[in-house]
């Protein structure tokens, strides 16, 4: 599925789009976070927080601000 399509549906609070984006990016984001905190439990908690924040602020996303991954990470 096209990323722009997923992001559009994510912005419309589509749970399936959220799940697909989460699955696409969670490992990469968790890797970045784990390099900083060096604790797997904390990494997982922060990763979930990042995605919840992205979900809660999804309407404000604009590709003009940068790629989706950079804004989530």
PDB file of N, CA and C in Angstrom:
ATOM      1  N   UNK A   1       0.851  -1.181   0.000  1.00  0.00           N
ATOM      2  CA  UNK A   1       0.000   0.000   0.000  1.00  0.00           C
ATOM      3  C   UNK A   1       0.898   1.246   0.000  1.00  0.00           C
ATOM      4  N   UNK A   2       0.499   2.235  -0.737  1.00  0.00           N
ATOM      5  CA  UNK A   2       1.255   3.468  -0.870  1.00  0.00           C
ATOM      6  C   UNK A   2       1.328   4.223   0.457  1.00  0.00           C
ATOM      7  N   UNK A   3       2.522   4.715   0.803  1.00  0.00           N
ATOM      8  CA  UNK A   3       2.713   5.403   2.080  1.00  0.00           C
ATOM      9  C   UNK A   3       1.848   6.658   2.182  1.00  0.00           C
ATOM     10  N   UNK A   4       1.744   7.427   1.117  1.00  0.00           N
ATOM     11  CA  UNK A   4       0.923   8.637   1.162  1.00  0.00           C
ATOM     12  C   UNK A   4      -0.540   8.297   1.443  1.00  0.00           C
ATOM     13  N   UNK A   5      -1.013   7.210   0.848  1.00  0.00           N
ATOM     14  CA  UNK A   5      -2.380   6.741   1.088  1.00  0.00           C
ATOM     15  C   UNK A   5      -2.550   6.370   2.564  1.00  0.00           C
ATOM     16  N   UNK A   6      -1.567   5.640   3.106  1.00  0.00           N
ATOM     17  CA  UNK A   6      -1.623   5.253   4.519  1.00  0.00           C
ATOM     18  C   UNK A   6      -1.629   6.468   5.427  1.00  0.00           C
ATOM     19  N   UNK A   7      -0.783   7.437   5.123  1.00  0.00           N
ATOM     20  CA  UNK A   7      -0.708   8.642   5.956  1.00  0.00           C
ATOM     21  C   UNK A   7      -2.025   9.405   5.913  1.00  0.00           C
ATOM     22  N   UNK A   8      -2.610   9.510   4.735  1.00  0.00           N
ATOM     23  CA  UNK A   8      -3.901  10.186   4.607  1.00  0.00           C
ATOM     24  C   UNK A   8      -4.949   9.506   5.483  1.00  0.00           C
ATOM     25  N   UNK A   9      -4.995   8.192   5.443  1.00  0.00           N
ATOM     26  CA  UNK A   9      -5.964   7.462   6.263  1.00  0.00           C
ATOM     27  C   UNK A   9      -5.607   7.520   7.748  1.00  0.00           C
ATOM     28  N   UNK A  10      -4.321   7.535   8.036  1.00  0.00           N
ATOM     29  CA  UNK A  10      -3.856   7.704   9.412  1.00  0.00           C
ATOM     30  C   UNK A  10      -4.367   9.035   9.967  1.00  0.00           C
ATOM     31  N   UNK A  11      -4.282  10.074   9.157  1.00  0.00           N
ATOM     32  CA  UNK A  11      -4.759  11.393   9.567  1.00  0.00           C
ATOM     33  C   UNK A  11      -6.267  11.403   9.806  1.00  0.00           C
ATOM     34  N   UNK A  12      -6.965  10.502   9.160  1.00  0.00           N
ATOM     35  CA  UNK A  12      -8.415  10.391   9.332  1.00  0.00           C
ATOM     36  C   UNK A  12      -8.763   9.406  10.450  1.00  0.00           C
ATOM     37  N   UNK A  13      -7.742   9.056  11.255  1.00  0.00           N
ATOM     38  CA  UNK A  13      -7.897   8.177  12.416  1.00  0.00           C
ATOM     39  C   UNK A  13      -8.316   6.753  12.033  1.00  0.00           C
ATOM     40  N   UNK A  14      -7.791   6.270  10.925  1.00  0.00           N
ATOM     41  CA  UNK A  14      -8.027   4.902  10.463  1.00  0.00           C
ATOM     42  C   UNK A  14      -7.063   3.979  11.209  1.00  0.00           C
ATOM     43  N   UNK A  15      -7.615   3.100  12.026  1.00  0.00           N
ATOM     44  CA  UNK A  15      -6.808   2.226  12.870  1.00  0.00           C
ATOM     45  C   UNK A  15      -5.952   1.276  12.036  1.00  0.00           C
ATOM     46  N   UNK A  16      -6.471   0.785  10.950  1.00  0.00           N
ATOM     47  CA  UNK A  16      -5.689  -0.123  10.097  1.00  0.00           C
ATOM     48  C   UNK A  16      -4.474   0.579   9.497  1.00  0.00           C
ATOM     49  N   UNK A  17      -4.637   1.837   9.119  1.00  0.00           N
ATOM     50  CA  UNK A  17      -3.506   2.609   8.603  1.00  0.00           C
ATOM     51  C   UNK A  17      -2.479   2.811   9.713  1.00  0.00           C
ATOM     52  N   UNK A  18      -2.953   3.087  10.925  1.00  0.00           N
ATOM     53  CA  UNK A  18      -2.059   3.233  12.084  1.00  0.00           C
ATOM     54  C   UNK A  18      -1.247   1.960  12.267  1.00  0.00           C
ATOM     55  N   UNK A  19      -1.924   0.817  12.243  1.00  0.00           N
ATOM     56  CA  UNK A  19      -1.251  -0.463  12.454  1.00  0.00           C
ATOM     57  C   UNK A  19      -0.193  -0.709  11.380  1.00  0.00           C
ATOM     58  N   UNK A  20      -0.512  -0.400  10.135  1.00  0.00           N
ATOM     59  CA  UNK A  20       0.442  -0.623   9.053  1.00  0.00           C
ATOM     60  C   UNK A  20       1.650   0.301   9.184  1.00  0.00           C
ATOM     61  N   UNK A  21       1.411   1.563   9.492  1.00  0.00           N
ATOM     62  CA  UNK A  21       2.532   2.493   9.689  1.00  0.00           C
ATOM     63  C   UNK A  21       3.365   2.093  10.899  1.00  0.00           C
ATOM     64  N   UNK A  22       2.693   1.667  11.957  1.00  0.00           N
ATOM     65  CA  UNK A  22       3.412   1.204  13.143  1.00  0.00           C
ATOM     66  C   UNK A  22       4.320   0.035  12.775  1.00  0.00           C
ATOM     67  N   UNK A  23       3.777  -0.929  12.050  1.00  0.00           N
ATOM     68  CA  UNK A  23       4.571  -2.094  11.659  1.00  0.00           C
ATOM     69  C   UNK A  23       5.714  -1.725  10.718  1.00  0.00           C
ATOM     70  N   UNK A  24       5.513  -0.711   9.899  1.00  0.00           N
ATOM     71  CA  UNK A  24       6.561  -0.259   8.983  1.00  0.00           C
ATOM     72  C   UNK A  24       7.717   0.417   9.723  1.00  0.00           C
ATOM     73  N   UNK A  25       7.414   1.152  10.785  1.00  0.00           N
ATOM     74  CA  UNK A  25       8.408   2.023  11.406  1.00  0.00           C
ATOM     75  C   UNK A  25       8.802   1.679  12.838  1.00  0.00           C
ATOM     76  N   UNK A  26       8.088   0.808  13.508  1.00  0.00           N
ATOM     77  CA  UNK A  26       8.353   0.607  14.940  1.00  0.00           C
ATOM     78  C   UNK A  26       9.764   0.096  15.211  1.00  0.00           C
ATOM     79  N   UNK A  27      10.263  -0.820  14.406  1.00  0.00           N
ATOM     80  CA  UNK A  27      11.614  -1.342  14.661  1.00  0.00           C
ATOM     81  C   UNK A  27      12.678  -0.280  14.448  1.00  0.00           C
ATOM     82  N   UNK A  28      12.525   0.528  13.419  1.00  0.00           N
ATOM     83  CA  UNK A  28      13.503   1.591  13.156  1.00  0.00           C
ATOM     84  C   UNK A  28      13.499   2.621  14.274  1.00  0.00           C
ATOM     85  N   UNK A  29      12.311   3.009  14.687  1.00  0.00           N
ATOM     86  CA  UNK A  29      12.189   4.008  15.759  1.00  0.00           C
ATOM     87  C   UNK A  29      12.716   3.442  17.070  1.00  0.00           C
ATOM     88  N   UNK A  30      12.361   2.193  17.353  1.00  0.00           N
ATOM     89  CA  UNK A  30      12.847   1.557  18.581  1.00  0.00           C
ATOM     90  C   UNK A  30      14.376   1.467  18.559  1.00  0.00           C
ATOM     91  N   UNK A  31      14.959   1.224  17.393  1.00  0.00           N
ATOM     92  CA  UNK A  31      16.421   1.162  17.287  1.00  0.00           C
ATOM     93  C   UNK A  31      17.069   2.489  17.626  1.00  0.00           C
ATOM     94  N   UNK A  32      16.492   3.561  17.115  1.00  0.00           N
ATOM     95  CA  UNK A  32      17.028   4.899  17.412  1.00  0.00           C
ATOM     96  C   UNK A  32      16.913   5.174  18.909  1.00  0.00           C
ATOM     97  N   UNK A  33      15.763   4.876  19.466  1.00  0.00           N
ATOM     98  CA  UNK A  33      15.528   5.137  20.896  1.00  0.00           C
ATOM     99  C   UNK A  33      16.452   4.288  21.755  1.00  0.00           C
ATOM    100  N   UNK A  34      16.608   3.009  21.391  1.00  0.00           N
ATOM    101  CA  UNK A  34      17.441   2.114  22.195  1.00  0.00           C
ATOM    102  C   UNK A  34      18.907   2.537  22.175  1.00  0.00           C
ATOM    103  N   UNK A  35      19.354   3.150  21.084  1.00  0.00           N
ATOM    104  CA  UNK A  35      20.726   3.663  21.039  1.00  0.00           C
ATOM    105  C   UNK A  35      20.940   4.763  22.066  1.00  0.00           C
ATOM    106  N   UNK A  36      19.861   5.429  22.443  1.00  0.00           N
ATOM    107  CA  UNK A  36      19.959   6.524  23.413  1.00  0.00           C
ATOM    108  C   UNK A  36      19.769   6.018  24.836  1.00  0.00           C
ATOM    109  N   UNK A  37      18.702   5.234  25.072  1.00  0.00           N
ATOM    110  CA  UNK A  37      18.362   4.866  26.452  1.00  0.00           C
ATOM    111  C   UNK A  37      18.988   3.560  26.916  1.00  0.00           C
ATOM    112  N   UNK A  38      19.357   2.686  25.976  1.00  0.00           N
ATOM    113  CA  UNK A  38      20.027   1.413  26.294  1.00  0.00           C
ATOM    114  C   UNK A  38      19.254   0.547  27.298  1.00  0.00           C
ATOM    115  N   UNK A  39      17.938   0.570  27.194  1.00  0.00           N
ATOM    116  CA  UNK A  39      17.084  -0.243  28.068  1.00  0.00           C
ATOM    117  C   UNK A  39      15.868  -0.675  27.252  1.00  0.00           C
ATOM    118  N   UNK A  40      15.722  -1.984  27.042  1.00  0.00           N
ATOM    119  CA  UNK A  40      14.652  -2.481  26.172  1.00  0.00           C
ATOM    120  C   UNK A  40      13.254  -2.131  26.650  1.00  0.00           C
ATOM    121  N   UNK A  41      13.012  -2.228  27.949  1.00  0.00           N
ATOM    122  CA  UNK A  41      11.678  -1.906  28.469  1.00  0.00           C
ATOM    123  C   UNK A  41      11.348  -0.429  28.261  1.00  0.00           C
ATOM    124  N   UNK A  42      12.300   0.425  28.560  1.00  0.00           N
ATOM    125  CA  UNK A  42      12.105   1.861  28.372  1.00  0.00           C
ATOM    126  C   UNK A  42      11.947   2.165  26.882  1.00  0.00           C
ATOM    127  N   UNK A  43      12.739   1.502  26.052  1.00  0.00           N
ATOM    128  CA  UNK A  43      12.643   1.689  24.605  1.00  0.00           C
ATOM    129  C   UNK A  43      11.239   1.380  24.110  1.00  0.00           C
ATOM    130  N   UNK A  44      10.678   0.267  24.531  1.00  0.00           N
ATOM    131  CA  UNK A  44       9.334  -0.118  24.082  1.00  0.00           C
ATOM    132  C   UNK A  44       8.289   0.884  24.555  1.00  0.00           C
ATOM    133  N   UNK A  45       8.424   1.348  25.776  1.00  0.00           N
ATOM    134  CA  UNK A  45       7.484   2.334  26.317  1.00  0.00           C
ATOM    135  C   UNK A  45       7.548   3.646  25.536  1.00  0.00           C
ATOM    136  N   UNK A  46       8.751   4.119  25.273  1.00  0.00           N
ATOM    137  CA  UNK A  46       8.914   5.373  24.535  1.00  0.00           C
ATOM    138  C   UNK A  46       8.417   5.219  23.102  1.00  0.00           C
ATOM    139  N   UNK A  47       8.700   4.087  22.478  1.00  0.00           N
ATOM    140  CA  UNK A  47       8.235   3.836  21.116  1.00  0.00           C
ATOM    141  C   UNK A  47       6.712   3.907  21.057  1.00  0.00           C
ATOM    142  N   UNK A  48       6.048   3.292  22.004  1.00  0.00           N
ATOM    143  CA  UNK A  48       4.582   3.359  22.057  1.00  0.00           C
ATOM    144  C   UNK A  48       4.127   4.802  22.261  1.00  0.00           C
ATOM    145  N   UNK A  49       4.799   5.523  23.132  1.00  0.00           N
ATOM    146  CA  UNK A  49       4.448   6.930  23.373  1.00  0.00           C
ATOM    147  C   UNK A  49       4.589   7.768  22.107  1.00  0.00           C
ATOM    148  N   UNK A  50       5.647   7.499  21.334  1.00  0.00           N
ATOM    149  CA  UNK A  50       5.878   8.236  20.087  1.00  0.00           C
ATOM    150  C   UNK A  50       4.707   8.029  19.138  1.00  0.00           C
ATOM    151  N   UNK A  51       4.273   6.781  19.006  1.00  0.00           N
ATOM    152  CA  UNK A  51       3.174   6.500  18.083  1.00  0.00           C
ATOM    153  C   UNK A  51       1.837   7.030  18.589  1.00  0.00           C
ATOM    154  N   UNK A  52       1.639   7.014  19.877  1.00  0.00           N
ATOM    155  CA  UNK A  52       0.409   7.592  20.433  1.00  0.00           C
ATOM    156  C   UNK A  52       0.384   9.094  20.188  1.00  0.00           C
ATOM    157  N   UNK A  53       1.530   9.740  20.379  1.00  0.00           N
ATOM    158  CA  UNK A  53       1.605  11.184  20.127  1.00  0.00           C
ATOM    159  C   UNK A  53       1.366  11.473  18.648  1.00  0.00           C
ATOM    160  N   UNK A  54       1.946  10.662  17.773  1.00  0.00           N
ATOM    161  CA  UNK A  54       1.727  10.843  16.335  1.00  0.00           C
ATOM    162  C   UNK A  54       0.251  10.673  15.998  1.00  0.00           C
ATOM    163  N   UNK A  55      -0.399   9.694  16.597  1.00  0.00           N
ATOM    164  CA  UNK A  55      -1.832   9.448  16.381  1.00  0.00           C
ATOM    165  C   UNK A  55      -2.649  10.654  16.846  1.00  0.00           C
ATOM    166  N   UNK A  56      -2.342  11.139  18.033  1.00  0.00           N
ATOM    167  CA  UNK A  56      -3.104  12.254  18.594  1.00  0.00           C
ATOM    168  C   UNK A  56      -2.901  13.558  17.823  1.00  0.00           C
ATOM    169  N   UNK A  57      -1.780  13.672  17.125  1.00  0.00           N
ATOM    170  CA  UNK A  57      -1.476  14.888  16.373  1.00  0.00           C
ATOM    171  C   UNK A  57      -1.458  14.655  14.861  1.00  0.00           C
ATOM    172  N   UNK A  58      -2.065  13.576  14.428  1.00  0.00           N
ATOM    173  CA  UNK A  58      -1.986  13.191  13.018  1.00  0.00           C
ATOM    174  C   UNK A  58      -2.560  14.241  12.073  1.00  0.00           C
ATOM    175  N   UNK A  59      -3.559  14.966  12.504  1.00  0.00           N
ATOM    176  CA  UNK A  59      -4.189  15.968  11.635  1.00  0.00           C
ATOM    177  C   UNK A  59      -3.222  17.096  11.286  1.00  0.00           C
ATOM    178  N   UNK A  60      -2.209  17.317  12.106  1.00  0.00           N
ATOM    179  CA  UNK A  60      -1.287  18.422  11.864  1.00  0.00           C
ATOM    180  C   UNK A  60      -0.106  18.027  10.970  1.00  0.00           C
ATOM    181  N   UNK A  61      -0.035  16.754  10.572  1.00  0.00           N
ATOM    182  CA  UNK A  61       1.080  16.320   9.721  1.00  0.00           C
ATOM    183  C   UNK A  61       0.974  16.949   8.337  1.00  0.00           C
ATOM    184  N   UNK A  62       2.110  17.379   7.823  1.00  0.00           N
ATOM    185  CA  UNK A  62       2.210  17.888   6.463  1.00  0.00           C
ATOM    186  C   UNK A  62       3.532  17.401   5.882  1.00  0.00           C
ATOM    187  N   UNK A  63       3.490  16.885   4.677  1.00  0.00           N
ATOM    188  CA  UNK A  63       4.726  16.410   4.049  1.00  0.00           C
ATOM    189  C   UNK A  63       5.712  17.556   3.833  1.00  0.00           C
ATOM    190  N   UNK A  64       5.240  18.786   3.888  1.00  0.00           N
ATOM    191  CA  UNK A  64       6.120  19.950   3.754  1.00  0.00           C
ATOM    192  C   UNK A  64       7.066  20.066   4.949  1.00  0.00           C
ATOM    193  N   UNK A  65       6.669  19.469   6.087  1.00  0.00           N
ATOM    194  CA  UNK A  65       7.501  19.510   7.288  1.00  0.00           C
ATOM    195  C   UNK A  65       8.622  18.470   7.235  1.00  0.00           C
ATOM    196  N   UNK A  66       8.485  17.511   6.334  1.00  0.00           N
ATOM    197  CA  UNK A  66       9.494  16.465   6.195  1.00  0.00           C
ATOM    198  C   UNK A  66       8.848  15.108   6.065  1.00  0.00           C
ATOM    199  N   UNK A  67       9.659  14.090   5.789  1.00  0.00           N
ATOM    200  CA  UNK A  67       9.140  12.731   5.664  1.00  0.00           C
ATOM    201  C   UNK A  67       8.491  12.260   6.959  1.00  0.00           C
ATOM    202  N   UNK A  68       7.495  11.431   6.837  1.00  0.00           N
ATOM    203  CA  UNK A  68       6.752  10.931   7.986  1.00  0.00           C
ATOM    204  C   UNK A  68       7.675  10.297   9.025  1.00  0.00           C
ATOM    205  N   UNK A  69       8.606   9.458   8.585  1.00  0.00           N
ATOM    206  CA  UNK A  69       9.501   8.785   9.519  1.00  0.00           C
ATOM    207  C   UNK A  69      10.293   9.772  10.344  1.00  0.00           C
ATOM    208  N   UNK A  70      10.775  10.840   9.747  1.00  0.00           N
ATOM    209  CA  UNK A  70      11.566  11.838  10.476  1.00  0.00           C
ATOM    210  C   UNK A  70      10.723  12.566  11.515  1.00  0.00           C
ATOM    211  N   UNK A  71       9.459  12.745  11.220  1.00  0.00           N
ATOM    212  CA  UNK A  71       8.590  13.447  12.158  1.00  0.00           C
ATOM    213  C   UNK A  71       8.198  12.545  13.321  1.00  0.00           C
ATOM    214  N   UNK A  72       8.081  11.257  13.067  1.00  0.00           N
ATOM    215  CA  UNK A  72       7.727  10.327  14.137  1.00  0.00           C
ATOM    216  C   UNK A  72       8.949  10.072  15.010  1.00  0.00           C
ATOM    217  N   UNK A  73      10.090   9.923  14.384  1.00  0.00           N
ATOM    218  CA  UNK A  73      11.304   9.611  15.130  1.00  0.00           C
ATOM    219  C   UNK A  73      11.824  10.810  15.797  1.00  0.00           C
TER     220      UNK A  73
END
